[in-house]
Amino acid sequence: SITVTLDDGRTFEVDMDSVATDPMTDLAVLKVDAEN
C-alpha cells in the first residue's frame, strides 16, 4: 500500500493499479484522486 501526504496535510491512498515503475532508471509515476 502507498499513502501520499501533501504539504497542506491532506492524505490520499494510492490506487496500486495507477503505479507505473521503471526499475532500470529508478523512476516511478503514481496518481492520487485529487484536482487543482
Full PDB file with SEQRES, HELIX, SHEET, SSBOND, CRYST1, ORIGX, SCALE, CONECT and MASTER records, all heavy atoms in Angstrom:
SEQRES   1 A   36  SER ILE THR VAL THR LEU ASP ASP GLY ARG THR PHE GLU          
SEQRES   2 A   36  VAL ASP MET ASP SER VAL ALA THR ASP PRO MET THR ASP          
SEQRES   3 A   36  LEU ALA VAL LEU LYS VAL ASP ALA GLU ASN                      
HELIX    1 AA1 MET A   16  SER A   18  5                                   3    
SHEET    1 AA1 2 THR A   3  THR A   5  0                                        
SHEET    2 AA1 2 THR A  11  GLU A  13 -1                                        
SHEET    1 AA2 2 ALA A  20  ASP A  22  0                                        
SHEET    2 AA2 2 LEU A  27  VAL A  29 -1                                        
CRYST1    1.000    1.000    1.000  90.00  90.00  90.00 P 1           1          
ORIGX1      1.000000  0.000000  0.000000        0.00000                         
ORIGX2      0.000000  1.000000  0.000000        0.00000                         
ORIGX3      0.000000  0.000000  1.000000        0.00000                         
SCALE1      1.000000  0.000000  0.000000        0.00000                         
SCALE2      0.000000  1.000000  0.000000        0.00000                         
SCALE3      0.000000  0.000000  1.000000        0.00000                         
ATOM      1  N   SER A   1       0.852  -1.190   0.000  1.00  0.00           N  
ATOM      2  CA  SER A   1       0.000   0.000   0.000  1.00  0.00           C  
ATOM      3  C   SER A   1       0.887   1.238   0.000  1.00  0.00           C  
ATOM      4  O   SER A   1       2.014   1.211   0.503  1.00  0.00           O  
ATOM      5  CB  SER A   1      -0.928   0.018   1.216  1.00  0.00           C  
ATOM      6  OG  SER A   1      -0.170   0.134   2.417  1.00  0.00           O  
ATOM      7  N   ILE A   2       0.353   2.329  -0.578  1.00  0.00           N  
ATOM      8  CA  ILE A   2       1.088   3.588  -0.675  1.00  0.00           C  
ATOM      9  C   ILE A   2       0.169   4.719  -0.240  1.00  0.00           C  
ATOM     10  O   ILE A   2      -0.984   4.807  -0.685  1.00  0.00           O  
ATOM     11  CB  ILE A   2       1.579   3.848  -2.121  1.00  0.00           C  
ATOM     12  CG1 ILE A   2       2.447   2.695  -2.617  1.00  0.00           C  
ATOM     13  CG2 ILE A   2       2.346   5.163  -2.199  1.00  0.00           C  
ATOM     14  CD1 ILE A   2       2.823   2.803  -4.083  1.00  0.00           C  
ATOM     15  N   THR A   3       0.699   5.587   0.624  1.00  0.00           N  
ATOM     16  CA  THR A   3      -0.045   6.757   1.081  1.00  0.00           C  
ATOM     17  C   THR A   3       0.751   8.012   0.738  1.00  0.00           C  
ATOM     18  O   THR A   3       1.967   8.053   0.939  1.00  0.00           O  
ATOM     19  CB  THR A   3      -0.285   6.711   2.598  1.00  0.00           C  
ATOM     20  OG1 THR A   3      -0.990   5.514   2.917  1.00  0.00           O  
ATOM     21  CG2 THR A   3      -1.099   7.908   3.052  1.00  0.00           C  
ATOM     22  N   VAL A   4       0.062   9.017   0.231  1.00  0.00           N  
ATOM     23  CA  VAL A   4       0.685  10.292  -0.132  1.00  0.00           C  
ATOM     24  C   VAL A   4       0.143  11.383   0.786  1.00  0.00           C  
ATOM     25  O   VAL A   4      -1.078  11.529   0.928  1.00  0.00           O  
ATOM     26  CB  VAL A   4       0.415  10.655  -1.606  1.00  0.00           C  
ATOM     27  CG1 VAL A   4       0.852  12.090  -1.890  1.00  0.00           C  
ATOM     28  CG2 VAL A   4       1.142   9.690  -2.531  1.00  0.00           C  
ATOM     29  N   THR A   5       1.043  12.129   1.406  1.00  0.00           N  
ATOM     30  CA  THR A   5       0.654  13.256   2.255  1.00  0.00           C  
ATOM     31  C   THR A   5       1.123  14.552   1.611  1.00  0.00           C  
ATOM     32  O   THR A   5       2.320  14.715   1.344  1.00  0.00           O  
ATOM     33  CB  THR A   5       1.260  13.127   3.666  1.00  0.00           C  
ATOM     34  OG1 THR A   5       0.861  11.890   4.242  1.00  0.00           O  
ATOM     35  CG2 THR A   5       0.813  14.276   4.552  1.00  0.00           C  
ATOM     36  N   LEU A   6       0.178  15.455   1.354  1.00  0.00           N  
ATOM     37  CA  LEU A   6       0.503  16.731   0.726  1.00  0.00           C  
ATOM     38  C   LEU A   6       1.087  17.700   1.749  1.00  0.00           C  
ATOM     39  O   LEU A   6       0.988  17.500   2.955  1.00  0.00           O  
ATOM     40  CB  LEU A   6      -0.736  17.339   0.080  1.00  0.00           C  
ATOM     41  CG  LEU A   6      -1.497  16.485  -0.941  1.00  0.00           C  
ATOM     42  CD1 LEU A   6      -2.614  17.308  -1.576  1.00  0.00           C  
ATOM     43  CD2 LEU A   6      -0.569  15.934  -2.008  1.00  0.00           C  
ATOM     44  N   ASP A   7       1.643  18.782   1.243  1.00  0.00           N  
ATOM     45  CA  ASP A   7       2.236  19.797   2.112  1.00  0.00           C  
ATOM     46  C   ASP A   7       1.183  20.458   3.004  1.00  0.00           C  
ATOM     47  O   ASP A   7       1.496  20.900   4.113  1.00  0.00           O  
ATOM     48  CB  ASP A   7       2.943  20.853   1.256  1.00  0.00           C  
ATOM     49  CG  ASP A   7       3.691  21.871   2.095  1.00  0.00           C  
ATOM     50  OD1 ASP A   7       4.560  21.455   2.883  1.00  0.00           O  
ATOM     51  OD2 ASP A   7       3.408  23.073   1.968  1.00  0.00           O  
ATOM     52  N   ASP A   8      -0.077  20.489   2.543  1.00  0.00           N  
ATOM     53  CA  ASP A   8      -1.139  21.108   3.347  1.00  0.00           C  
ATOM     54  C   ASP A   8      -1.744  20.141   4.362  1.00  0.00           C  
ATOM     55  O   ASP A   8      -2.699  20.481   5.064  1.00  0.00           O  
ATOM     56  CB  ASP A   8      -2.227  21.693   2.444  1.00  0.00           C  
ATOM     57  CG  ASP A   8      -2.910  20.634   1.574  1.00  0.00           C  
ATOM     58  OD1 ASP A   8      -2.721  19.421   1.839  1.00  0.00           O  
ATOM     59  OD2 ASP A   8      -3.625  21.015   0.628  1.00  0.00           O  
ATOM     60  N   GLY A   9      -1.194  18.920   4.442  1.00  0.00           N  
ATOM     61  CA  GLY A   9      -1.642  17.954   5.433  1.00  0.00           C  
ATOM     62  C   GLY A   9      -2.636  16.932   4.930  1.00  0.00           C  
ATOM     63  O   GLY A   9      -2.903  15.926   5.614  1.00  0.00           O  
ATOM     64  N   ARG A  10      -3.204  17.131   3.764  1.00  0.00           N  
ATOM     65  CA  ARG A  10      -4.163  16.168   3.234  1.00  0.00           C  
ATOM     66  C   ARG A  10      -3.461  14.852   2.891  1.00  0.00           C  
ATOM     67  O   ARG A  10      -2.312  14.848   2.438  1.00  0.00           O  
ATOM     68  CB  ARG A  10      -4.856  16.717   1.992  1.00  0.00           C  
ATOM     69  CG  ARG A  10      -5.893  17.794   2.271  1.00  0.00           C  
ATOM     70  CD  ARG A  10      -6.581  18.238   0.997  1.00  0.00           C  
ATOM     71  NE  ARG A  10      -5.675  18.974   0.123  1.00  0.00           N  
ATOM     72  CZ  ARG A  10      -5.943  19.275  -1.154  1.00  0.00           C  
ATOM     73  NH1 ARG A  10      -7.083  18.849  -1.695  1.00  0.00           N  
ATOM     74  NH2 ARG A  10      -5.085  19.980  -1.873  1.00  0.00           N  
ATOM     75  N   THR A  11      -4.177  13.746   3.084  1.00  0.00           N  
ATOM     76  CA  THR A  11      -3.612  12.414   2.856  1.00  0.00           C  
ATOM     77  C   THR A  11      -4.471  11.651   1.853  1.00  0.00           C  
ATOM     78  O   THR A  11      -5.708  11.697   1.922  1.00  0.00           O  
ATOM     79  CB  THR A  11      -3.517  11.628   4.174  1.00  0.00           C  
ATOM     80  OG1 THR A  11      -2.675  12.338   5.086  1.00  0.00           O  
ATOM     81  CG2 THR A  11      -2.925  10.247   3.946  1.00  0.00           C  
ATOM     82  N   PHE A  12      -3.807  10.933   0.942  1.00  0.00           N  
ATOM     83  CA  PHE A  12      -4.513  10.162  -0.091  1.00  0.00           C  
ATOM     84  C   PHE A  12      -3.938   8.748  -0.155  1.00  0.00           C  
ATOM     85  O   PHE A  12      -2.715   8.558  -0.108  1.00  0.00           O  
ATOM     86  CB  PHE A  12      -4.366  10.825  -1.465  1.00  0.00           C  
ATOM     87  CG  PHE A  12      -4.985  12.186  -1.564  1.00  0.00           C  
ATOM     88  CD1 PHE A  12      -4.253  13.316  -1.245  1.00  0.00           C  
ATOM     89  CD2 PHE A  12      -6.295  12.338  -1.979  1.00  0.00           C  
ATOM     90  CE1 PHE A  12      -4.809  14.580  -1.339  1.00  0.00           C  
ATOM     91  CE2 PHE A  12      -6.872  13.599  -2.076  1.00  0.00           C  
ATOM     92  CZ  PHE A  12      -6.124  14.724  -1.759  1.00  0.00           C  
ATOM     93  N   GLU A  13      -4.831   7.763  -0.296  1.00  0.00           N  
ATOM     94  CA  GLU A  13      -4.414   6.399  -0.576  1.00  0.00           C  
ATOM     95  C   GLU A  13      -4.248   6.244  -2.092  1.00  0.00           C  
ATOM     96  O   GLU A  13      -5.091   6.711  -2.859  1.00  0.00           O  
ATOM     97  CB  GLU A  13      -5.461   5.401  -0.074  1.00  0.00           C  
ATOM     98  CG  GLU A  13      -5.595   5.356   1.443  1.00  0.00           C  
ATOM     99  CD  GLU A  13      -4.358   4.767   2.107  1.00  0.00           C  
ATOM    100  OE1 GLU A  13      -3.696   3.915   1.486  1.00  0.00           O  
ATOM    101  OE2 GLU A  13      -4.057   5.177   3.242  1.00  0.00           O  
ATOM    102  N   VAL A  14      -3.176   5.614  -2.497  1.00  0.00           N  
ATOM    103  CA  VAL A  14      -2.877   5.458  -3.925  1.00  0.00           C  
ATOM    104  C   VAL A  14      -3.480   4.152  -4.437  1.00  0.00           C  
ATOM    105  O   VAL A  14      -3.316   3.096  -3.814  1.00  0.00           O  
ATOM    106  CB  VAL A  14      -1.364   5.471  -4.163  1.00  0.00           C  
ATOM    107  CG1 VAL A  14      -1.042   5.199  -5.632  1.00  0.00           C  
ATOM    108  CG2 VAL A  14      -0.756   6.792  -3.718  1.00  0.00           C  
ATOM    109  N   ASP A  15      -4.206   4.234  -5.551  1.00  0.00           N  
ATOM    110  CA  ASP A  15      -4.687   3.038  -6.235  1.00  0.00           C  
ATOM    111  C   ASP A  15      -3.471   2.325  -6.835  1.00  0.00           C  
ATOM    112  O   ASP A  15      -2.780   2.882  -7.697  1.00  0.00           O  
ATOM    113  CB  ASP A  15      -5.677   3.441  -7.329  1.00  0.00           C  
ATOM    114  CG  ASP A  15      -6.250   2.240  -8.079  1.00  0.00           C  
ATOM    115  OD1 ASP A  15      -5.827   1.087  -7.795  1.00  0.00           O  
ATOM    116  OD2 ASP A  15      -7.097   2.444  -8.956  1.00  0.00           O  
ATOM    117  N   MET A  16      -3.184   1.106  -6.389  1.00  0.00           N  
ATOM    118  CA  MET A  16      -1.974   0.404  -6.814  1.00  0.00           C  
ATOM    119  C   MET A  16      -1.976   0.127  -8.316  1.00  0.00           C  
ATOM    120  O   MET A  16      -0.919  -0.074  -8.912  1.00  0.00           O  
ATOM    121  CB  MET A  16      -1.819  -0.896  -6.031  1.00  0.00           C  
ATOM    122  CG  MET A  16      -1.648  -0.686  -4.525  1.00  0.00           C  
ATOM    123  SD  MET A  16      -0.263   0.413  -4.113  1.00  0.00           S  
ATOM    124  CE  MET A  16       1.126  -0.574  -4.651  1.00  0.00           C  
ATOM    125  N   ASP A  17      -3.153   0.147  -8.946  1.00  0.00           N  
ATOM    126  CA  ASP A  17      -3.205  -0.037 -10.400  1.00  0.00           C  
ATOM    127  C   ASP A  17      -2.721   1.197 -11.149  1.00  0.00           C  
ATOM    128  O   ASP A  17      -2.498   1.143 -12.359  1.00  0.00           O  
ATOM    129  CB  ASP A  17      -4.631  -0.372 -10.841  1.00  0.00           C  
ATOM    130  CG  ASP A  17      -5.059  -1.771 -10.407  1.00  0.00           C  
ATOM    131  OD1 ASP A  17      -4.157  -2.634 -10.234  1.00  0.00           O  
ATOM    132  OD2 ASP A  17      -6.268  -1.998 -10.234  1.00  0.00           O  
ATOM    133  N   SER A  18      -2.591   2.330 -10.435  1.00  0.00           N  
ATOM    134  CA  SER A  18      -2.141   3.562 -11.088  1.00  0.00           C  
ATOM    135  C   SER A  18      -0.635   3.778 -10.938  1.00  0.00           C  
ATOM    136  O   SER A  18      -0.126   4.830 -11.320  1.00  0.00           O  
ATOM    137  CB  SER A  18      -2.882   4.769 -10.491  1.00  0.00           C  
ATOM    138  OG  SER A  18      -2.420   5.028  -9.167  1.00  0.00           O  
ATOM    139  N   VAL A  19       0.068   2.789 -10.384  1.00  0.00           N  
ATOM    140  CA  VAL A  19       1.506   2.910 -10.175  1.00  0.00           C  
ATOM    141  C   VAL A  19       2.244   2.298 -11.361  1.00  0.00           C  
ATOM    142  O   VAL A  19       2.000   1.143 -11.736  1.00  0.00           O  
ATOM    143  CB  VAL A  19       1.942   2.197  -8.878  1.00  0.00           C  
ATOM    144  CG1 VAL A  19       3.451   2.325  -8.683  1.00  0.00           C  
ATOM    145  CG2 VAL A  19       1.201   2.786  -7.682  1.00  0.00           C  
ATOM    146  N   ALA A  20       3.132   3.081 -11.970  1.00  0.00           N  
ATOM    147  CA  ALA A  20       3.957   2.606 -13.086  1.00  0.00           C  
ATOM    148  C   ALA A  20       5.424   2.832 -12.733  1.00  0.00           C  
ATOM    149  O   ALA A  20       5.796   3.938 -12.319  1.00  0.00           O  
ATOM    150  CB  ALA A  20       3.604   3.349 -14.376  1.00  0.00           C  
ATOM    151  N   THR A  21       6.233   1.797 -12.879  1.00  0.00           N  
ATOM    152  CA  THR A  21       7.637   1.894 -12.470  1.00  0.00           C  
ATOM    153  C   THR A  21       8.570   1.468 -13.596  1.00  0.00           C  
ATOM    154  O   THR A  21       8.189   0.697 -14.481  1.00  0.00           O  
ATOM    155  CB  THR A  21       7.918   1.013 -11.243  1.00  0.00           C  
ATOM    156  OG1 THR A  21       7.737  -0.374 -11.599  1.00  0.00           O  
ATOM    157  CG2 THR A  21       6.999   1.364 -10.083  1.00  0.00           C  
ATOM    158  N   ASP A  22       9.784   1.981 -13.529  1.00  0.00           N  
ATOM    159  CA  ASP A  22      10.849   1.555 -14.430  1.00  0.00           C  
ATOM    160  C   ASP A  22      12.120   1.353 -13.599  1.00  0.00           C  
ATOM    161  O   ASP A  22      12.898   2.286 -13.415  1.00  0.00           O  
ATOM    162  CB  ASP A  22      11.096   2.592 -15.531  1.00  0.00           C  
ATOM    163  CG  ASP A  22      12.135   2.107 -16.532  1.00  0.00           C  
ATOM    164  OD1 ASP A  22      11.987   0.987 -17.051  1.00  0.00           O  
ATOM    165  OD2 ASP A  22      13.121   2.834 -16.770  1.00  0.00           O  
ATOM    166  N   PRO A  23      12.320   0.146 -13.063  1.00  0.00           N  
ATOM    167  CA  PRO A  23      13.476  -0.100 -12.203  1.00  0.00           C  
ATOM    168  C   PRO A  23      14.815   0.173 -12.885  1.00  0.00           C  
ATOM    169  O   PRO A  23      15.791   0.525 -12.215  1.00  0.00           O  
ATOM    170  CB  PRO A  23      13.340  -1.592 -11.850  1.00  0.00           C  
ATOM    171  CG  PRO A  23      11.874  -1.881 -12.010  1.00  0.00           C  
ATOM    172  CD  PRO A  23      11.430  -1.022 -13.155  1.00  0.00           C  
ATOM    173  N   MET A  24      14.860   0.030 -14.201  1.00  0.00           N  
ATOM    174  CA  MET A  24      16.113   0.242 -14.918  1.00  0.00           C  
ATOM    175  C   MET A  24      16.651   1.659 -14.727  1.00  0.00           C  
ATOM    176  O   MET A  24      17.862   1.881 -14.621  1.00  0.00           O  
ATOM    177  CB  MET A  24      15.912  -0.044 -16.415  1.00  0.00           C  
ATOM    178  CG  MET A  24      17.200  -0.061 -17.213  1.00  0.00           C  
ATOM    179  SD  MET A  24      18.343  -1.351 -16.687  1.00  0.00           S  
ATOM    180  CE  MET A  24      17.370  -2.823 -17.028  1.00  0.00           C  
ATOM    181  N   THR A  25      15.756   2.643 -14.654  1.00  0.00           N  
ATOM    182  CA  THR A  25      16.170   4.036 -14.455  1.00  0.00           C  
ATOM    183  C   THR A  25      15.791   4.561 -13.073  1.00  0.00           C  
ATOM    184  O   THR A  25      16.012   5.747 -12.797  1.00  0.00           O  
ATOM    185  CB  THR A  25      15.532   4.943 -15.525  1.00  0.00           C  
ATOM    186  OG1 THR A  25      14.101   4.790 -15.488  1.00  0.00           O  
ATOM    187  CG2 THR A  25      16.050   4.595 -16.909  1.00  0.00           C  
ATOM    188  N   ASP A  26      15.220   3.708 -12.228  1.00  0.00           N  
ATOM    189  CA  ASP A  26      14.812   4.075 -10.864  1.00  0.00           C  
ATOM    190  C   ASP A  26      13.798   5.213 -10.866  1.00  0.00           C  
ATOM    191  O   ASP A  26      13.860   6.125 -10.043  1.00  0.00           O  
ATOM    192  CB  ASP A  26      16.038   4.449 -10.013  1.00  0.00           C  
ATOM    193  CG  ASP A  26      15.704   4.474  -8.518  1.00  0.00           C  
ATOM    194  OD1 ASP A  26      14.760   3.783  -8.111  1.00  0.00           O  
ATOM    195  OD2 ASP A  26      16.378   5.211  -7.766  1.00  0.00           O  
ATOM    196  N   LEU A  27      12.845   5.142 -11.780  1.00  0.00           N  
ATOM    197  CA  LEU A  27      11.792   6.152 -11.857  1.00  0.00           C  
ATOM    198  C   LEU A  27      10.423   5.494 -11.710  1.00  0.00           C  
ATOM    199  O   LEU A  27      10.229   4.338 -12.112  1.00  0.00           O  
ATOM    200  CB  LEU A  27      11.862   6.909 -13.182  1.00  0.00           C  
ATOM    201  CG  LEU A  27      13.086   7.807 -13.368  1.00  0.00           C  
ATOM    202  CD1 LEU A  27      13.184   8.287 -14.808  1.00  0.00           C  
ATOM    203  CD2 LEU A  27      13.035   8.996 -12.414  1.00  0.00           C  
ATOM    204  N   ALA A  28       9.490   6.249 -11.141  1.00  0.00           N  
ATOM    205  CA  ALA A  28       8.131   5.751 -10.971  1.00  0.00           C  
ATOM    206  C   ALA A  28       7.141   6.897 -11.043  1.00  0.00           C  
ATOM    207  O   ALA A  28       7.471   8.044 -10.723  1.00  0.00           O  
ATOM    208  CB  ALA A  28       7.987   5.014  -9.636  1.00  0.00           C  
ATOM    209  N   VAL A  29       5.923   6.557 -11.474  1.00  0.00           N  
ATOM    210  CA  VAL A  29       4.815   7.515 -11.539  1.00  0.00           C  
ATOM    211  C   VAL A  29       3.630   6.905 -10.802  1.00  0.00           C  
ATOM    212  O   VAL A  29       3.355   5.704 -10.935  1.00  0.00           O  
ATOM    213  CB  VAL A  29       4.431   7.811 -13.004  1.00  0.00           C  
ATOM    214  CG1 VAL A  29       3.157   8.648 -13.063  1.00  0.00           C  
ATOM    215  CG2 VAL A  29       5.556   8.519 -13.727  1.00  0.00           C  
ATOM    216  N   LEU A  30       2.947   7.713 -10.004  1.00  0.00           N  
ATOM    217  CA  LEU A  30       1.715   7.260  -9.357  1.00  0.00           C  
ATOM    218  C   LEU A  30       0.707   8.397  -9.383  1.00  0.00           C  
ATOM    219  O   LEU A  30       1.049   9.542  -9.678  1.00  0.00           O  
ATOM    220  CB  LEU A  30       1.995   6.783  -7.936  1.00  0.00           C  
ATOM    221  CG  LEU A  30       2.795   7.701  -7.002  1.00  0.00           C  
ATOM    222  CD1 LEU A  30       1.867   8.646  -6.265  1.00  0.00           C  
ATOM    223  CD2 LEU A  30       3.606   6.886  -6.016  1.00  0.00           C  
ATOM    224  N   LYS A  31      -0.529   8.069  -9.066  1.00  0.00           N  
ATOM    225  CA  LYS A  31      -1.588   9.077  -9.156  1.00  0.00           C  
ATOM    226  C   LYS A  31      -2.490   9.010  -7.931  1.00  0.00           C  
ATOM    227  O   LYS A  31      -2.775   7.932  -7.420  1.00  0.00           O  
ATOM    228  CB  LYS A  31      -2.415   8.868 -10.424  1.00  0.00           C  
ATOM    229  CG  LYS A  31      -3.368  10.022 -10.734  1.00  0.00           C  
ATOM    230  CD  LYS A  31      -4.102   9.787 -12.034  1.00  0.00           C  
ATOM    231  CE  LYS A  31      -4.953  11.008 -12.403  1.00  0.00           C  
ATOM    232  NZ  LYS A  31      -5.900  11.394 -11.332  1.00  0.00           N  
ATOM    233  N   VAL A  32      -2.900  10.212  -7.478  1.00  0.00           N  
ATOM    234  CA  VAL A  32      -3.885  10.301  -6.399  1.00  0.00           C  
ATOM    235  C   VAL A  32      -5.140  10.959  -6.960  1.00  0.00           C  
ATOM    236  O   VAL A  32      -5.096  11.684  -7.961  1.00  0.00           O  
ATOM    237  CB  VAL A  32      -3.338  11.111  -5.205  1.00  0.00           C  
ATOM    238  CG1 VAL A  32      -2.160  10.396  -4.568  1.00  0.00           C  
ATOM    239  CG2 VAL A  32      -2.959  12.533  -5.612  1.00  0.00           C  
ATOM    240  N   ASP A  33      -6.244  10.683  -6.328  1.00  0.00           N  
ATOM    241  CA  ASP A  33      -7.540  11.211  -6.781  1.00  0.00           C  
ATOM    242  C   ASP A  33      -7.742  12.603  -6.199  1.00  0.00           C  
ATOM    243  O   ASP A  33      -8.326  12.775  -5.113  1.00  0.00           O  
ATOM    244  CB  ASP A  33      -8.660  10.264  -6.335  1.00  0.00           C  
ATOM    245  CG  ASP A  33     -10.016  10.669  -6.909  1.00  0.00           C  
ATOM    246  OD1 ASP A  33     -10.034  11.501  -7.847  1.00  0.00           O  
ATOM    247  OD2 ASP A  33     -11.034  10.153  -6.416  1.00  0.00           O  
ATOM    248  N   ALA A  34      -7.220  13.604  -6.904  1.00  0.00           N  
ATOM    249  CA  ALA A  34      -7.328  14.989  -6.434  1.00  0.00           C  
ATOM    250  C   ALA A  34      -7.286  15.918  -7.638  1.00  0.00           C  
ATOM    251  O   ALA A  34      -6.860  15.534  -8.732  1.00  0.00           O  
ATOM    252  CB  ALA A  34      -6.204  15.321  -5.462  1.00  0.00           C  
ATOM    253  N   GLU A  35      -7.714  17.138  -7.451  1.00  0.00           N  
ATOM    254  CA  GLU A  35      -7.732  18.134  -8.519  1.00  0.00           C  
ATOM    255  C   GLU A  35      -7.121  19.444  -8.006  1.00  0.00           C  
ATOM    256  O   GLU A  35      -7.038  19.688  -6.810  1.00  0.00           O  
ATOM    257  CB  GLU A  35      -9.166  18.396  -9.008  1.00  0.00           C  
ATOM    258  CG  GLU A  35      -9.861  17.173  -9.608  1.00  0.00           C  
ATOM    259  CD  GLU A  35      -9.255  16.758 -10.947  1.00  0.00           C  
ATOM    260  OE1 GLU A  35      -8.606  17.612 -11.581  1.00  0.00           O  
ATOM    261  OE2 GLU A  35      -9.445  15.588 -11.343  1.00  0.00           O  
ATOM    262  N   ASN A  36      -6.715  20.276  -8.973  1.00  0.00           N  
ATOM    263  CA  ASN A  36      -6.200  21.621  -8.683  1.00  0.00           C  
ATOM    264  C   ASN A  36      -5.047  21.618  -7.668  1.00  0.00           C  
ATOM    265  O   ASN A  36      -4.987  22.468  -6.772  1.00  0.00           O  
ATOM    266  CB  ASN A  36      -7.331  22.535  -8.177  1.00  0.00           C  
ATOM    267  CG  ASN A  36      -8.458  22.665  -9.179  1.00  0.00           C  
ATOM    268  OD1 ASN A  36      -8.221  22.815 -10.378  1.00  0.00           O  
ATOM    269  ND2 ASN A  36      -9.689  22.589  -8.692  1.00  0.00           N  
TER     270      ASN A  36                                                      
MASTER        0    0    0    1    4    0    0    6  269    1    0    3          
END                                                                             
